Amino acid sequence: MVDKLAEVTRAQARDYTSFSVGGKRFGYYWPRTKTVGLKQTLSEQLALVSERPDVFEVQFTAGGFGWVVVYLQRIDADELTELVYEAWRLTAPEQLVEANPLRRR
């Protein structure tokens, strides 16, 4: 999923991989817990966690954004793709977003 997004850089830490665009982080992957952390709007964070607490949990809020933890075994690939794109879109420079819309299958 991330490989299909423009100008994404990865950084490997001991326990996780982080994903950035334009020098700003938009996601994390923790293989041990089979979870990802994704940047979302505050309203989307609240909606996701409220509607499906078995799939999503609040990670933290920062800079007017709400990050969510996503349990990978409890979400389908299409929904995860949309959430990853949204996290990237919220972070990427506007020109990059305009040049790289979400492509549906």
C-alpha atoms as a PDB file:
ATOM      1  CA  MET A   1       0.000   0.000   0.000  1.00  0.00           C
ATOM      2  CA  VAL A   2       2.622   2.491   1.038  1.00  0.00           C
ATOM      3  CA  ASP A   3       4.763   1.654  -1.982  1.00  0.00           C
ATOM      4  CA  LYS A   4       2.031   3.022  -4.260  1.00  0.00           C
ATOM      5  CA  LEU A   5       2.211   6.471  -2.647  1.00  0.00           C
ATOM      6  CA  ALA A   6       4.553   9.155  -3.954  1.00  0.00           C
ATOM      7  CA  GLU A   7       7.746  10.215  -2.201  1.00  0.00           C
ATOM      8  CA  VAL A   8       7.350   8.046   0.889  1.00  0.00           C
ATOM      9  CA  THR A   9      10.431   7.455   2.990  1.00  0.00           C
ATOM     10  CA  ARG A  10      10.792   4.694   5.566  1.00  0.00           C
ATOM     11  CA  ALA A  11      12.807   4.706   8.749  1.00  0.00           C
ATOM     12  CA  GLN A  12      13.488   1.483  10.588  1.00  0.00           C
ATOM     13  CA  ALA A  13      13.662   1.519  14.374  1.00  0.00           C
ATOM     14  CA  ARG A  14      14.141  -1.453  16.661  1.00  0.00           C
ATOM     15  CA  ASP A  15      10.426  -2.190  17.134  1.00  0.00           C
ATOM     16  CA  TYR A  16       8.703  -0.366  14.290  1.00  0.00           C
ATOM     17  CA  THR A  17       8.943   1.189  10.846  1.00  0.00           C
ATOM     18  CA  SER A  18       7.832   4.780  10.329  1.00  0.00           C
ATOM     19  CA  PHE A  19       6.587   6.303   7.084  1.00  0.00           C
ATOM     20  CA  SER A  20       7.015   9.937   6.094  1.00  0.00           C
ATOM     21  CA  VAL A  21       6.342  12.259   3.186  1.00  0.00           C
ATOM     22  CA  GLY A  22       7.962  15.645   2.831  1.00  0.00           C
ATOM     23  CA  GLY A  23       9.916  14.996   6.022  1.00  0.00           C
ATOM     24  CA  LYS A  24       6.743  14.560   8.109  1.00  0.00           C
ATOM     25  CA  ARG A  25       5.464  11.298   9.553  1.00  0.00           C
ATOM     26  CA  PHE A  26       2.074   9.920   8.635  1.00  0.00           C
ATOM     27  CA  GLY A  27       2.262   6.311   9.792  1.00  0.00           C
ATOM     28  CA  TYR A  28       3.938   3.574  11.790  1.00  0.00           C
ATOM     29  CA  TYR A  29       3.979  -0.215  11.558  1.00  0.00           C
ATOM     30  CA  TRP A  30       4.613  -2.489  14.560  1.00  0.00           C
ATOM     31  CA  PRO A  31       5.107  -6.086  13.362  1.00  0.00           C
ATOM     32  CA  ARG A  32       5.126  -7.570  16.871  1.00  0.00           C
ATOM     33  CA  THR A  33       1.607  -6.333  17.636  1.00  0.00           C
ATOM     34  CA  LYS A  34       0.378  -6.482  14.009  1.00  0.00           C
ATOM     35  CA  THR A  35      -0.808  -2.882  14.223  1.00  0.00           C
ATOM     36  CA  VAL A  36      -0.295   0.369  12.392  1.00  0.00           C
ATOM     37  CA  GLY A  37      -0.595   3.923  13.641  1.00  0.00           C
ATOM     38  CA  LEU A  38      -2.085   6.393  11.192  1.00  0.00           C
ATOM     39  CA  LYS A  39      -2.583  10.136  11.160  1.00  0.00           C
ATOM     40  CA  GLN A  40      -6.229  11.223  10.817  1.00  0.00           C
ATOM     41  CA  THR A  41      -8.305  14.292  11.484  1.00  0.00           C
ATOM     42  CA  LEU A  42      -9.563  14.630  15.038  1.00  0.00           C
ATOM     43  CA  SER A  43     -13.148  14.022  13.898  1.00  0.00           C
ATOM     44  CA  GLU A  44     -12.157  10.909  11.948  1.00  0.00           C
ATOM     45  CA  GLN A  45     -10.176   9.593  14.931  1.00  0.00           C
ATOM     46  CA  LEU A  46     -13.243   9.984  17.139  1.00  0.00           C
ATOM     47  CA  ALA A  47     -15.578   8.411  14.561  1.00  0.00           C
ATOM     48  CA  LEU A  48     -13.354   5.392  13.926  1.00  0.00           C
ATOM     49  CA  VAL A  49     -12.756   4.640  17.608  1.00  0.00           C
ATOM     50  CA  SER A  50     -16.392   5.220  18.577  1.00  0.00           C
ATOM     51  CA  GLU A  51     -17.850   3.070  15.803  1.00  0.00           C
ATOM     52  CA  ARG A  52     -15.398   0.155  15.969  1.00  0.00           C
ATOM     53  CA  PRO A  53     -13.312   0.030  19.147  1.00  0.00           C
ATOM     54  CA  ASP A  54     -12.386  -3.579  18.356  1.00  0.00           C
ATOM     55  CA  VAL A  55     -10.495  -2.351  15.244  1.00  0.00           C
ATOM     56  CA  PHE A  56      -9.315   1.141  16.238  1.00  0.00           C
ATOM     57  CA  GLU A  57      -7.999   2.833  19.355  1.00  0.00           C
ATOM     58  CA  VAL A  58      -6.768   6.323  20.115  1.00  0.00           C
ATOM     59  CA  GLN A  59      -3.007   6.534  19.852  1.00  0.00           C
ATOM     60  CA  PHE A  60      -2.446  10.246  20.557  1.00  0.00           C
ATOM     61  CA  THR A  61      -3.298  13.727  19.314  1.00  0.00           C
ATOM     62  CA  ALA A  62      -0.766  16.213  18.017  1.00  0.00           C
ATOM     63  CA  GLY A  63      -0.886  19.407  16.018  1.00  0.00           C
ATOM     64  CA  GLY A  64      -4.633  19.236  15.505  1.00  0.00           C
ATOM     65  CA  PHE A  65      -4.550  15.635  14.275  1.00  0.00           C
ATOM     66  CA  GLY A  66      -5.705  12.441  15.919  1.00  0.00           C
ATOM     67  CA  TRP A  67      -3.647   9.322  15.440  1.00  0.00           C
ATOM     68  CA  VAL A  68      -5.285   5.897  15.545  1.00  0.00           C
ATOM     69  CA  VAL A  69      -3.959   2.418  16.156  1.00  0.00           C
ATOM     70  CA  VAL A  70      -5.377  -0.048  13.634  1.00  0.00           C
ATOM     71  CA  TYR A  71      -5.469  -3.798  14.356  1.00  0.00           C
ATOM     72  CA  LEU A  72      -4.499  -5.293  11.003  1.00  0.00           C
ATOM     73  CA  GLN A  73      -6.218  -8.627  11.529  1.00  0.00           C
ATOM     74  CA  ARG A  74      -9.549  -6.844  12.041  1.00  0.00           C
ATOM     75  CA  ILE A  75      -9.673  -4.593   8.945  1.00  0.00           C
ATOM     76  CA  ASP A  76     -10.007  -5.365   5.247  1.00  0.00           C
ATOM     77  CA  ALA A  77      -7.397  -4.274   2.734  1.00  0.00           C
ATOM     78  CA  ASP A  78      -9.622  -1.760   0.917  1.00  0.00           C
ATOM     79  CA  GLU A  79     -10.472   0.159   4.077  1.00  0.00           C
ATOM     80  CA  LEU A  80      -6.858   0.090   5.232  1.00  0.00           C
ATOM     81  CA  THR A  81      -5.737   1.391   1.830  1.00  0.00           C
ATOM     82  CA  GLU A  82      -8.121   4.345   2.162  1.00  0.00           C
ATOM     83  CA  LEU A  83      -6.905   5.129   5.683  1.00  0.00           C
ATOM     84  CA  VAL A  84      -3.237   4.937   4.654  1.00  0.00           C
ATOM     85  CA  TYR A  85      -3.926   7.237   1.705  1.00  0.00           C
ATOM     86  CA  GLU A  86      -5.793   9.674   3.962  1.00  0.00           C
ATOM     87  CA  ALA A  87      -2.879   9.748   6.410  1.00  0.00           C
ATOM     88  CA  TRP A  88      -0.487  10.402   3.517  1.00  0.00           C
ATOM     89  CA  ARG A  89      -2.825  13.051   2.015  1.00  0.00           C
ATOM     90  CA  LEU A  90      -3.040  14.918   5.330  1.00  0.00           C
ATOM     91  CA  THR A  91       0.755  15.095   5.431  1.00  0.00           C
ATOM     92  CA  ALA A  92       1.978  15.464   1.844  1.00  0.00           C
ATOM     93  CA  PRO A  93       2.474  18.825   0.147  1.00  0.00           C
ATOM     94  CA  GLU A  94      -0.642  19.966  -1.730  1.00  0.00           C
ATOM     95  CA  GLN A  95       0.992  19.711  -5.174  1.00  0.00           C
ATOM     96  CA  LEU A  96       1.961  16.118  -4.507  1.00  0.00           C
ATOM     97  CA  VAL A  97      -1.574  15.231  -3.387  1.00  0.00           C
ATOM     98  CA  GLU A  98      -3.096  16.823  -6.491  1.00  0.00           C
ATOM     99  CA  ALA A  99      -0.716  14.865  -8.711  1.00  0.00           C
ATOM    100  CA  ASN A 100      -1.406  11.564  -6.901  1.00  0.00           C
ATOM    101  CA  PRO A 101      -5.106  10.955  -6.258  1.00  0.00           C
ATOM    102  CA  LEU A 102      -6.255   7.698  -4.693  1.00  0.00           C
ATOM    103  CA  ARG A 103      -6.635   5.194  -7.493  1.00  0.00           C
ATOM    104  CA  ARG A 104      -9.405   2.650  -7.106  1.00  0.00           C
ATOM    105  CA  ARG A 105      -9.016  -0.825  -8.520  1.00  0.00           C
END
